[in-house]
Amino acid sequence: MIDKIGRYKLGEKLDLPGLGGFWRGEDLLTGQAVLVQSIPFTALCALDDRSALFRRLLARQRKAGELEHRAIRRVLGLSRTADLLFLFHDFRVGRSLSSVLTDSGERLAPTRTIACLKDIAAALEVLHQRGWSYGRLTPLGVWLDEEGAFLVDYDLEPLLLEAADQWRGELSHP
């Protein structure tokens, strides 16, 4: 396995839901902790389409770099090998609202629910002010930690899912 990608060093593997695998990482220039996500290109597109997809993702990620809010987990950068796409996120992990509500059977206290709604509404306001649309807001895209609620995958996930759906469609409809 790769232990360094550009300026990012990979650490321990994390068990998080989502597309691909996740690692704790470190930005070697700043010392900042990052969340590293690796996604096999084979899950996203044909061999011939990898460069085009990477260029689209990179353009979107650069624009997303303008967005800063404590309730948004940003993608800080992208990289690739021949077979893998790497995304470098702010290191902020917790549990998805979906897992909190379904896996553990927990209920959020009314005060925590209101605080989470305020966090997500504020994050959506920032996105909308910059001309971004979150897309479909689901309990999988809202995560909770000790600081509150935050949005994940607001910026690149729609492109990744679109590429994967299109690729699967091409495979099933020759």
N, C-alpha and C. Protein backbone atom coordinates (compact mmCIF):
# COMPACT_ATOMS: atom_id res chain seq x y z
N MET A 1 0.84 -1.20 0.00
CA MET A 1 0.00 0.00 0.00
C MET A 1 0.87 1.24 0.00
N ILE A 2 0.37 2.27 -0.60
CA ILE A 2 1.06 3.56 -0.67
C ILE A 2 1.08 4.18 0.72
N ASP A 3 2.22 4.78 1.12
CA ASP A 3 2.26 5.44 2.43
C ASP A 3 2.36 6.95 2.33
N LYS A 4 2.54 7.48 1.10
CA LYS A 4 2.62 8.92 0.91
C LYS A 4 2.09 9.25 -0.49
N ILE A 5 1.26 10.28 -0.55
CA ILE A 5 0.74 10.77 -1.82
C ILE A 5 1.01 12.27 -1.86
N GLY A 6 1.96 12.68 -2.67
CA GLY A 6 2.31 14.09 -2.73
C GLY A 6 2.72 14.59 -1.36
N ARG A 7 2.05 15.61 -0.88
CA ARG A 7 2.39 16.21 0.41
C ARG A 7 1.66 15.57 1.59
N TYR A 8 0.94 14.48 1.34
CA TYR A 8 0.14 13.82 2.37
C TYR A 8 0.70 12.46 2.74
N LYS A 9 0.86 12.24 4.02
CA LYS A 9 1.32 10.96 4.55
C LYS A 9 0.12 10.19 5.08
N LEU A 10 0.03 8.91 4.71
CA LEU A 10 -1.08 8.08 5.19
C LEU A 10 -0.73 7.44 6.52
N GLY A 11 -1.71 7.39 7.40
CA GLY A 11 -1.56 6.77 8.71
C GLY A 11 -2.49 5.58 8.81
N GLU A 12 -3.18 5.50 9.94
CA GLU A 12 -4.02 4.33 10.21
C GLU A 12 -5.27 4.30 9.32
N LYS A 13 -5.67 3.10 8.95
CA LYS A 13 -6.89 2.90 8.17
C LYS A 13 -8.09 3.09 9.11
N LEU A 14 -9.11 3.77 8.63
CA LEU A 14 -10.29 4.05 9.42
C LEU A 14 -11.49 3.29 8.86
N ASP A 15 -12.35 2.87 9.73
CA ASP A 15 -13.56 2.16 9.33
C ASP A 15 -14.71 3.16 9.25
N LEU A 16 -14.86 3.79 8.08
CA LEU A 16 -15.90 4.79 7.87
C LEU A 16 -16.75 4.38 6.68
N PRO A 17 -18.05 4.68 6.73
CA PRO A 17 -18.89 4.38 5.56
C PRO A 17 -18.61 5.37 4.44
N GLY A 18 -18.81 4.93 3.24
CA GLY A 18 -18.62 5.81 2.10
C GLY A 18 -17.95 5.08 0.96
N LEU A 19 -17.76 5.79 -0.10
CA LEU A 19 -17.17 5.25 -1.31
C LEU A 19 -15.67 5.08 -1.10
N GLY A 20 -15.14 3.87 -1.27
CA GLY A 20 -13.71 3.63 -1.14
C GLY A 20 -13.26 3.39 0.28
N GLY A 21 -11.96 3.62 0.52
CA GLY A 21 -11.38 3.42 1.84
C GLY A 21 -10.92 4.75 2.43
N PHE A 22 -10.75 4.78 3.76
CA PHE A 22 -10.38 6.01 4.46
C PHE A 22 -9.19 5.78 5.37
N TRP A 23 -8.32 6.78 5.46
CA TRP A 23 -7.17 6.75 6.35
C TRP A 23 -7.03 8.09 7.06
N ARG A 24 -6.46 8.02 8.25
CA ARG A 24 -6.01 9.24 8.91
C ARG A 24 -4.72 9.62 8.18
N GLY A 25 -4.56 10.88 7.88
CA GLY A 25 -3.36 11.32 7.18
C GLY A 25 -2.81 12.60 7.78
N GLU A 26 -1.70 13.03 7.24
CA GLU A 26 -1.07 14.26 7.70
C GLU A 26 -0.58 15.04 6.49
N ASP A 27 -0.87 16.35 6.48
CA ASP A 27 -0.32 17.24 5.47
C ASP A 27 1.11 17.54 5.91
N LEU A 28 2.08 17.09 5.15
CA LEU A 28 3.48 17.23 5.56
C LEU A 28 3.97 18.67 5.51
N LEU A 29 3.27 19.55 4.79
CA LEU A 29 3.65 20.96 4.75
C LEU A 29 3.15 21.74 5.96
N THR A 30 1.94 21.42 6.40
CA THR A 30 1.34 22.19 7.49
C THR A 30 1.28 21.44 8.82
N GLY A 31 1.45 20.13 8.76
CA GLY A 31 1.29 19.30 9.96
C GLY A 31 -0.17 19.05 10.32
N GLN A 32 -1.08 19.53 9.49
CA GLN A 32 -2.52 19.39 9.74
C GLN A 32 -2.96 17.95 9.51
N ALA A 33 -3.84 17.46 10.39
CA ALA A 33 -4.45 16.15 10.19
C ALA A 33 -5.45 16.24 9.05
N VAL A 34 -5.47 15.22 8.20
CA VAL A 34 -6.41 15.16 7.08
C VAL A 34 -7.06 13.77 7.04
N LEU A 35 -8.19 13.72 6.40
CA LEU A 35 -8.87 12.46 6.15
C LEU A 35 -8.61 12.12 4.68
N VAL A 36 -7.98 10.97 4.44
CA VAL A 36 -7.64 10.56 3.09
C VAL A 36 -8.64 9.50 2.63
N GLN A 37 -9.23 9.73 1.47
CA GLN A 37 -10.18 8.78 0.90
C GLN A 37 -9.60 8.28 -0.42
N SER A 38 -9.59 6.97 -0.60
CA SER A 38 -9.15 6.41 -1.88
C SER A 38 -10.32 5.68 -2.53
N ILE A 39 -10.49 5.93 -3.82
CA ILE A 39 -11.59 5.33 -4.56
C ILE A 39 -11.00 4.69 -5.81
N PRO A 40 -11.25 3.40 -6.02
CA PRO A 40 -10.77 2.77 -7.26
C PRO A 40 -11.47 3.39 -8.48
N PHE A 41 -10.69 3.78 -9.46
CA PHE A 41 -11.29 4.33 -10.68
C PHE A 41 -12.24 3.34 -11.33
N THR A 42 -11.99 2.04 -11.13
CA THR A 42 -12.86 1.03 -11.76
C THR A 42 -14.30 1.15 -11.26
N ALA A 43 -14.52 1.78 -10.11
CA ALA A 43 -15.87 2.00 -9.59
C ALA A 43 -16.52 3.23 -10.20
N LEU A 44 -15.73 4.03 -10.94
CA LEU A 44 -16.22 5.32 -11.40
C LEU A 44 -16.33 5.46 -12.91
N CYS A 45 -15.37 4.90 -13.65
CA CYS A 45 -15.37 5.18 -15.08
C CYS A 45 -14.48 4.21 -15.83
N ALA A 46 -14.59 4.28 -17.15
CA ALA A 46 -13.75 3.47 -18.03
C ALA A 46 -12.33 4.02 -18.02
N LEU A 47 -11.39 3.20 -18.41
CA LEU A 47 -9.99 3.58 -18.45
C LEU A 47 -9.77 4.86 -19.24
N ASP A 48 -10.44 4.98 -20.38
CA ASP A 48 -10.27 6.15 -21.25
C ASP A 48 -10.83 7.43 -20.65
N ASP A 49 -11.73 7.33 -19.68
CA ASP A 49 -12.39 8.51 -19.11
C ASP A 49 -11.73 9.02 -17.84
N ARG A 50 -10.70 8.37 -17.33
CA ARG A 50 -10.12 8.74 -16.03
C ARG A 50 -9.55 10.15 -16.02
N SER A 51 -8.83 10.54 -17.03
CA SER A 51 -8.23 11.88 -17.06
C SER A 51 -9.31 12.95 -17.12
N ALA A 52 -10.33 12.73 -17.92
CA ALA A 52 -11.42 13.71 -18.04
C ALA A 52 -12.16 13.84 -16.71
N LEU A 53 -12.45 12.73 -16.05
CA LEU A 53 -13.12 12.79 -14.76
C LEU A 53 -12.25 13.52 -13.74
N PHE A 54 -10.97 13.22 -13.72
CA PHE A 54 -10.07 13.87 -12.77
C PHE A 54 -10.04 15.38 -13.01
N ARG A 55 -9.99 15.81 -14.26
CA ARG A 55 -9.99 17.25 -14.57
C ARG A 55 -11.28 17.91 -14.08
N ARG A 56 -12.43 17.25 -14.28
CA ARG A 56 -13.71 17.80 -13.81
C ARG A 56 -13.72 17.92 -12.29
N LEU A 57 -13.25 16.88 -11.61
CA LEU A 57 -13.22 16.90 -10.15
C LEU A 57 -12.27 17.97 -9.63
N LEU A 58 -11.12 18.10 -10.27
CA LEU A 58 -10.13 19.09 -9.85
C LEU A 58 -10.67 20.51 -10.00
N ALA A 59 -11.35 20.80 -11.11
CA ALA A 59 -11.94 22.13 -11.31
C ALA A 59 -12.99 22.41 -10.25
N ARG A 60 -13.80 21.43 -9.94
CA ARG A 60 -14.84 21.63 -8.92
C ARG A 60 -14.22 21.79 -7.53
N GLN A 61 -13.19 21.01 -7.23
CA GLN A 61 -12.54 21.10 -5.92
C GLN A 61 -11.89 22.46 -5.73
N ARG A 62 -11.29 23.00 -6.76
CA ARG A 62 -10.66 24.33 -6.65
C ARG A 62 -11.69 25.38 -6.31
N LYS A 63 -12.84 25.31 -6.94
CA LYS A 63 -13.92 26.25 -6.64
C LYS A 63 -14.42 26.04 -5.21
N ALA A 64 -14.49 24.79 -4.78
CA ALA A 64 -14.99 24.47 -3.44
C ALA A 64 -14.03 24.95 -2.36
N GLY A 65 -12.77 25.16 -2.70
CA GLY A 65 -11.80 25.63 -1.73
C GLY A 65 -12.16 26.97 -1.12
N GLU A 66 -13.04 27.71 -1.79
CA GLU A 66 -13.49 29.02 -1.28
C GLU A 66 -14.42 28.87 -0.08
N LEU A 67 -15.02 27.71 0.08
CA LEU A 67 -16.04 27.52 1.10
C LEU A 67 -15.41 27.16 2.45
N GLU A 68 -15.74 27.95 3.44
CA GLU A 68 -15.27 27.63 4.79
C GLU A 68 -16.39 27.86 5.78
N HIS A 69 -16.69 26.83 6.52
CA HIS A 69 -17.68 26.91 7.59
C HIS A 69 -17.47 25.72 8.49
N ARG A 70 -17.66 25.90 9.79
CA ARG A 70 -17.39 24.80 10.71
C ARG A 70 -18.33 23.61 10.51
N ALA A 71 -19.45 23.82 9.81
CA ALA A 71 -20.39 22.73 9.56
C ALA A 71 -20.25 22.15 8.15
N ILE A 72 -19.08 22.38 7.54
CA ILE A 72 -18.79 21.82 6.22
C ILE A 72 -17.44 21.12 6.29
N ARG A 73 -17.41 19.83 5.92
CA ARG A 73 -16.12 19.14 5.82
C ARG A 73 -15.65 19.29 4.38
N ARG A 74 -14.60 20.09 4.20
CA ARG A 74 -14.10 20.42 2.87
C ARG A 74 -13.20 19.33 2.29
N VAL A 75 -13.13 19.32 0.97
CA VAL A 75 -12.10 18.55 0.27
C VAL A 75 -10.96 19.51 0.01
N LEU A 76 -9.79 19.20 0.57
CA LEU A 76 -8.63 20.09 0.49
C LEU A 76 -7.81 19.90 -0.77
N GLY A 77 -7.87 18.70 -1.33
CA GLY A 77 -7.09 18.43 -2.53
C GLY A 77 -7.41 17.08 -3.12
N LEU A 78 -6.86 16.84 -4.29
CA LEU A 78 -7.06 15.59 -5.02
C LEU A 78 -5.72 15.11 -5.56
N SER A 79 -5.64 13.82 -5.76
CA SER A 79 -4.49 13.24 -6.44
C SER A 79 -4.95 11.94 -7.08
N ARG A 80 -4.07 11.33 -7.85
CA ARG A 80 -4.44 10.08 -8.50
C ARG A 80 -3.22 9.26 -8.82
N THR A 81 -3.45 7.98 -8.93
CA THR A 81 -2.50 7.06 -9.54
C THR A 81 -3.22 6.51 -10.75
N ALA A 82 -2.63 5.53 -11.42
CA ALA A 82 -3.30 4.95 -12.58
C ALA A 82 -4.64 4.32 -12.19
N ASP A 83 -4.72 3.75 -10.97
CA ASP A 83 -5.90 2.99 -10.57
C ASP A 83 -6.75 3.63 -9.49
N LEU A 84 -6.21 4.61 -8.77
CA LEU A 84 -6.92 5.15 -7.61
C LEU A 84 -7.07 6.66 -7.69
N LEU A 85 -8.21 7.14 -7.22
CA LEU A 85 -8.46 8.56 -7.01
C LEU A 85 -8.33 8.81 -5.51
N PHE A 86 -7.60 9.84 -5.11
CA PHE A 86 -7.44 10.20 -3.71
C PHE A 86 -8.06 11.57 -3.45
N LEU A 87 -8.85 11.66 -2.39
CA LEU A 87 -9.42 12.92 -1.94
C LEU A 87 -8.89 13.18 -0.54
N PHE A 88 -8.48 14.41 -0.28
CA PHE A 88 -7.96 14.81 1.02
C PHE A 88 -8.94 15.79 1.65
N HIS A 89 -9.58 15.34 2.72
CA HIS A 89 -10.62 16.12 3.40
C HIS A 89 -10.09 16.73 4.69
N ASP A 90 -10.80 17.77 5.17
CA ASP A 90 -10.59 18.21 6.55
C ASP A 90 -10.73 16.98 7.43
N PHE A 91 -9.87 16.87 8.46
CA PHE A 91 -10.02 15.71 9.34
C PHE A 91 -11.10 16.01 10.36
N ARG A 92 -12.26 15.54 10.04
CA ARG A 92 -13.39 15.66 10.95
C ARG A 92 -14.22 14.41 10.75
N VAL A 93 -14.24 13.57 11.73
CA VAL A 93 -15.01 12.33 11.63
C VAL A 93 -15.99 12.28 12.79
N GLY A 94 -16.96 11.49 12.63
CA GLY A 94 -17.99 11.31 13.66
C GLY A 94 -18.83 10.14 13.20
N ARG A 95 -20.10 10.30 13.29
CA ARG A 95 -21.03 9.28 12.83
C ARG A 95 -22.09 9.94 11.97
N SER A 96 -22.52 9.25 10.95
CA SER A 96 -23.58 9.80 10.12
C SER A 96 -24.87 9.84 10.94
N LEU A 97 -25.70 10.79 10.62
CA LEU A 97 -27.00 10.86 11.28
C LEU A 97 -27.76 9.56 11.05
N SER A 98 -27.59 8.98 9.88
CA SER A 98 -28.24 7.70 9.57
C SER A 98 -27.83 6.62 10.57
N SER A 99 -26.53 6.51 10.85
CA SER A 99 -26.09 5.46 11.78
C SER A 99 -26.52 5.77 13.20
N VAL A 100 -26.54 7.03 13.57
CA VAL A 100 -27.00 7.39 14.91
C VAL A 100 -28.46 6.97 15.10
N LEU A 101 -29.27 7.21 14.08
CA LEU A 101 -30.70 6.94 14.21
C LEU A 101 -31.07 5.47 13.98
N THR A 102 -30.34 4.77 13.13
CA THR A 102 -30.74 3.40 12.81
C THR A 102 -29.91 2.33 13.49
N ASP A 103 -28.59 2.43 13.43
CA ASP A 103 -27.74 1.38 13.98
C ASP A 103 -27.84 1.26 15.49
N SER A 104 -27.83 2.38 16.15
CA SER A 104 -27.80 2.35 17.61
C SER A 104 -29.19 2.52 18.23
N GLY A 105 -30.16 2.95 17.42
CA GLY A 105 -31.50 3.16 17.96
C GLY A 105 -31.58 4.38 18.86
N GLU A 106 -30.53 5.21 18.86
CA GLU A 106 -30.53 6.42 19.70
C GLU A 106 -31.54 7.42 19.17
N ARG A 107 -31.99 8.26 20.07
CA ARG A 107 -32.79 9.42 19.69
C ARG A 107 -32.01 10.65 20.12
N LEU A 108 -32.08 11.66 19.30
CA LEU A 108 -31.42 12.91 19.66
C LEU A 108 -32.33 13.70 20.60
N ALA A 109 -31.75 14.25 21.62
CA ALA A 109 -32.50 15.11 22.52
C ALA A 109 -32.99 16.33 21.73
N PRO A 110 -34.12 16.90 22.10
CA PRO A 110 -34.64 18.05 21.36
C PRO A 110 -33.63 19.20 21.24
N THR A 111 -32.88 19.46 22.29
CA THR A 111 -31.90 20.56 22.21
C THR A 111 -30.78 20.23 21.22
N ARG A 112 -30.36 18.97 21.17
CA ARG A 112 -29.32 18.56 20.21
C ARG A 112 -29.88 18.61 18.78
N THR A 113 -31.14 18.21 18.62
CA THR A 113 -31.76 18.25 17.30
C THR A 113 -31.80 19.68 16.77
N ILE A 114 -32.20 20.63 17.61
CA ILE A 114 -32.27 22.04 17.20
C ILE A 114 -30.87 22.55 16.87
N ALA A 115 -29.88 22.21 17.68
CA ALA A 115 -28.50 22.65 17.42
C ALA A 115 -28.00 22.09 16.08
N CYS A 116 -28.31 20.82 15.80
CA CYS A 116 -27.91 20.21 14.52
C CYS A 116 -28.58 20.89 13.35
N LEU A 117 -29.87 21.18 13.49
CA LEU A 117 -30.59 21.87 12.42
C LEU A 117 -29.99 23.25 12.15
N LYS A 118 -29.62 23.95 13.19
CA LYS A 118 -28.98 25.27 13.03
C LYS A 118 -27.65 25.15 12.30
N ASP A 119 -26.85 24.13 12.67
CA ASP A 119 -25.55 23.92 12.00
C ASP A 119 -25.75 23.67 10.51
N ILE A 120 -26.65 22.77 10.18
CA ILE A 120 -26.86 22.39 8.78
C ILE A 120 -27.47 23.56 8.00
N ALA A 121 -28.41 24.27 8.60
CA ALA A 121 -29.00 25.43 7.92
C ALA A 121 -27.93 26.49 7.64
N ALA A 122 -27.03 26.71 8.58
CA ALA A 122 -25.95 27.69 8.37
C ALA A 122 -25.00 27.23 7.26
N ALA A 123 -24.68 25.93 7.24
CA ALA A 123 -23.81 25.41 6.18
C ALA A 123 -24.49 25.54 4.81
N LEU A 124 -25.76 25.20 4.74
CA LEU A 124 -26.49 25.33 3.47
C LEU A 124 -26.57 26.79 3.02
N GLU A 125 -26.72 27.70 3.97
CA GLU A 125 -26.74 29.12 3.62
C GLU A 125 -25.42 29.54 2.97
N VAL A 126 -24.29 29.09 3.52
CA VAL A 126 -22.99 29.41 2.95
C VAL A 126 -22.87 28.83 1.53
N LEU A 127 -23.29 27.59 1.36
CA LEU A 127 -23.24 26.97 0.04
C LEU A 127 -24.10 27.74 -0.96
N HIS A 128 -25.31 28.07 -0.56
CA HIS A 128 -26.23 28.76 -1.47
C HIS A 128 -25.76 30.18 -1.79
N GLN A 129 -25.16 30.86 -0.82
CA GLN A 129 -24.63 32.20 -1.08
C GLN A 129 -23.54 32.18 -2.14
N ARG A 130 -22.82 31.08 -2.23
CA ARG A 130 -21.74 30.95 -3.22
C ARG A 130 -22.20 30.29 -4.52
N GLY A 131 -23.52 30.05 -4.62
CA GLY A 131 -24.05 29.49 -5.84
C GLY A 131 -23.97 27.97 -5.93
N TRP A 132 -23.74 27.30 -4.81
CA TRP A 132 -23.66 25.85 -4.79
C TRP A 132 -25.00 25.27 -4.36
N SER A 133 -25.27 24.10 -4.85
CA SER A 133 -26.44 23.36 -4.40
C SER A 133 -25.93 22.08 -3.76
N TYR A 134 -26.44 21.75 -2.60
CA TYR A 134 -26.00 20.51 -1.95
C TYR A 134 -26.51 19.30 -2.69
N GLY A 135 -27.64 19.43 -3.30
CA GLY A 135 -28.26 18.27 -3.93
C GLY A 135 -29.23 17.64 -2.96
N ARG A 136 -29.23 16.35 -2.91
CA ARG A 136 -30.16 15.61 -2.05
C ARG A 136 -29.58 15.49 -0.65
N LEU A 137 -30.19 16.16 0.30
CA LEU A 137 -29.74 16.12 1.69
C LEU A 137 -30.37 14.90 2.37
N THR A 138 -29.52 13.99 2.81
CA THR A 138 -30.00 12.78 3.46
C THR A 138 -29.26 12.58 4.78
N PRO A 139 -29.74 11.71 5.63
CA PRO A 139 -29.03 11.43 6.89
C PRO A 139 -27.62 10.86 6.68
N LEU A 140 -27.31 10.35 5.50
CA LEU A 140 -25.94 9.87 5.22
C LEU A 140 -24.97 11.02 4.99
N GLY A 141 -25.48 12.16 4.54
CA GLY A 141 -24.65 13.32 4.26
C GLY A 141 -24.50 14.28 5.42
N VAL A 142 -25.19 14.00 6.52
CA VAL A 142 -25.10 14.82 7.73
C VAL A 142 -24.39 13.98 8.79
N TRP A 143 -23.30 14.49 9.30
CA TRP A 143 -22.53 13.77 10.32
C TRP A 143 -22.55 14.55 11.62
N LEU A 144 -22.41 13.82 12.71
CA LEU A 144 -22.41 14.42 14.04
C LEU A 144 -21.11 14.07 14.75
N ASP A 145 -20.59 15.05 15.46
CA ASP A 145 -19.46 14.81 16.36
C ASP A 145 -19.66 15.68 17.59
N GLU A 146 -18.65 15.76 18.42
CA GLU A 146 -18.81 16.51 19.68
C GLU A 146 -18.99 18.01 19.45
N GLU A 147 -18.59 18.52 18.27
CA GLU A 147 -18.75 19.94 17.97
C GLU A 147 -20.11 20.29 17.40
N GLY A 148 -20.84 19.29 16.92
CA GLY A 148 -22.14 19.53 16.33
C GLY A 148 -22.34 18.72 15.07
N ALA A 149 -23.16 19.26 14.16
CA ALA A 149 -23.47 18.58 12.90
C ALA A 149 -22.68 19.24 11.77
N PHE A 150 -22.35 18.44 10.75
CA PHE A 150 -21.65 18.99 9.60
C PHE A 150 -22.00 18.20 8.35
N LEU A 151 -21.87 18.88 7.20
CA LEU A 151 -22.14 18.26 5.90
C LEU A 151 -20.87 17.62 5.37
N VAL A 152 -21.02 16.45 4.76
CA VAL A 152 -19.89 15.80 4.09
C VAL A 152 -20.26 15.61 2.62
N ASP A 153 -19.24 15.56 1.79
CA ASP A 153 -19.39 15.24 0.37
C ASP A 153 -20.34 16.16 -0.37
N TYR A 154 -20.40 17.43 0.00
CA TYR A 154 -21.28 18.36 -0.68
C TYR A 154 -20.73 18.75 -2.04
N ASP A 155 -19.42 18.61 -2.23
CA ASP A 155 -18.81 19.20 -3.41
C ASP A 155 -18.47 18.21 -4.51
N LEU A 156 -17.91 17.08 -4.18
CA LEU A 156 -17.48 16.15 -5.22
C LEU A 156 -18.36 14.92 -5.35
N GLU A 157 -19.07 14.57 -4.30
CA GLU A 157 -19.87 13.35 -4.32
C GLU A 157 -20.87 13.31 -5.48
N PRO A 158 -21.57 14.42 -5.78
CA PRO A 158 -22.49 14.35 -6.92
C PRO A 158 -21.80 13.96 -8.23
N LEU A 159 -20.60 14.51 -8.48
CA LEU A 159 -19.88 14.15 -9.69
C LEU A 159 -19.43 12.69 -9.65
N LEU A 160 -18.98 12.22 -8.48
CA LEU A 160 -18.53 10.84 -8.36
C LEU A 160 -19.70 9.88 -8.58
N LEU A 161 -20.84 10.17 -7.96
CA LEU A 161 -22.00 9.30 -8.12
C LEU A 161 -22.52 9.32 -9.56
N GLU A 162 -22.51 10.49 -10.16
CA GLU A 162 -22.95 10.60 -11.56
C GLU A 162 -22.03 9.77 -12.46
N ALA A 163 -20.72 9.87 -12.24
CA ALA A 163 -19.76 9.10 -13.04
C ALA A 163 -19.97 7.61 -12.83
N ALA A 164 -20.14 7.19 -11.58
CA ALA A 164 -20.34 5.77 -11.28
C ALA A 164 -21.64 5.25 -11.89
N ASP A 165 -22.72 6.02 -11.76
CA ASP A 165 -24.00 5.61 -12.35
C ASP A 165 -23.91 5.50 -13.86
N GLN A 166 -23.26 6.49 -14.47
CA GLN A 166 -23.11 6.48 -15.92
C GLN A 166 -22.28 5.27 -16.36
N TRP A 167 -21.20 5.01 -15.63
CA TRP A 167 -20.32 3.87 -15.94
C TRP A 167 -21.07 2.56 -15.81
N ARG A 168 -21.83 2.39 -14.72
CA ARG A 168 -22.60 1.16 -14.53
C ARG A 168 -23.66 1.02 -15.63
N GLY A 169 -24.26 2.13 -16.02
CA GLY A 169 -25.25 2.11 -17.11
C GLY A 169 -24.64 1.67 -18.42
N GLU A 170 -23.42 2.14 -18.70
CA GLU A 170 -22.74 1.76 -19.93
C GLU A 170 -22.40 0.27 -19.90
N LEU A 171 -22.06 -0.25 -18.73
CA LEU A 171 -21.72 -1.67 -18.61
C LEU A 171 -22.95 -2.55 -18.84
N SER A 172 -24.11 -2.09 -18.35
CA SER A 172 -25.31 -2.93 -18.44
C SER A 172 -26.08 -2.72 -19.74
N HIS A 173 -25.75 -1.66 -20.49
CA HIS A 173 -26.44 -1.38 -21.76
C HIS A 173 -25.40 -1.19 -22.87
N PRO A 174 -24.88 -2.28 -23.40
CA PRO A 174 -23.83 -2.15 -24.44
C PRO A 174 -24.35 -1.50 -25.71
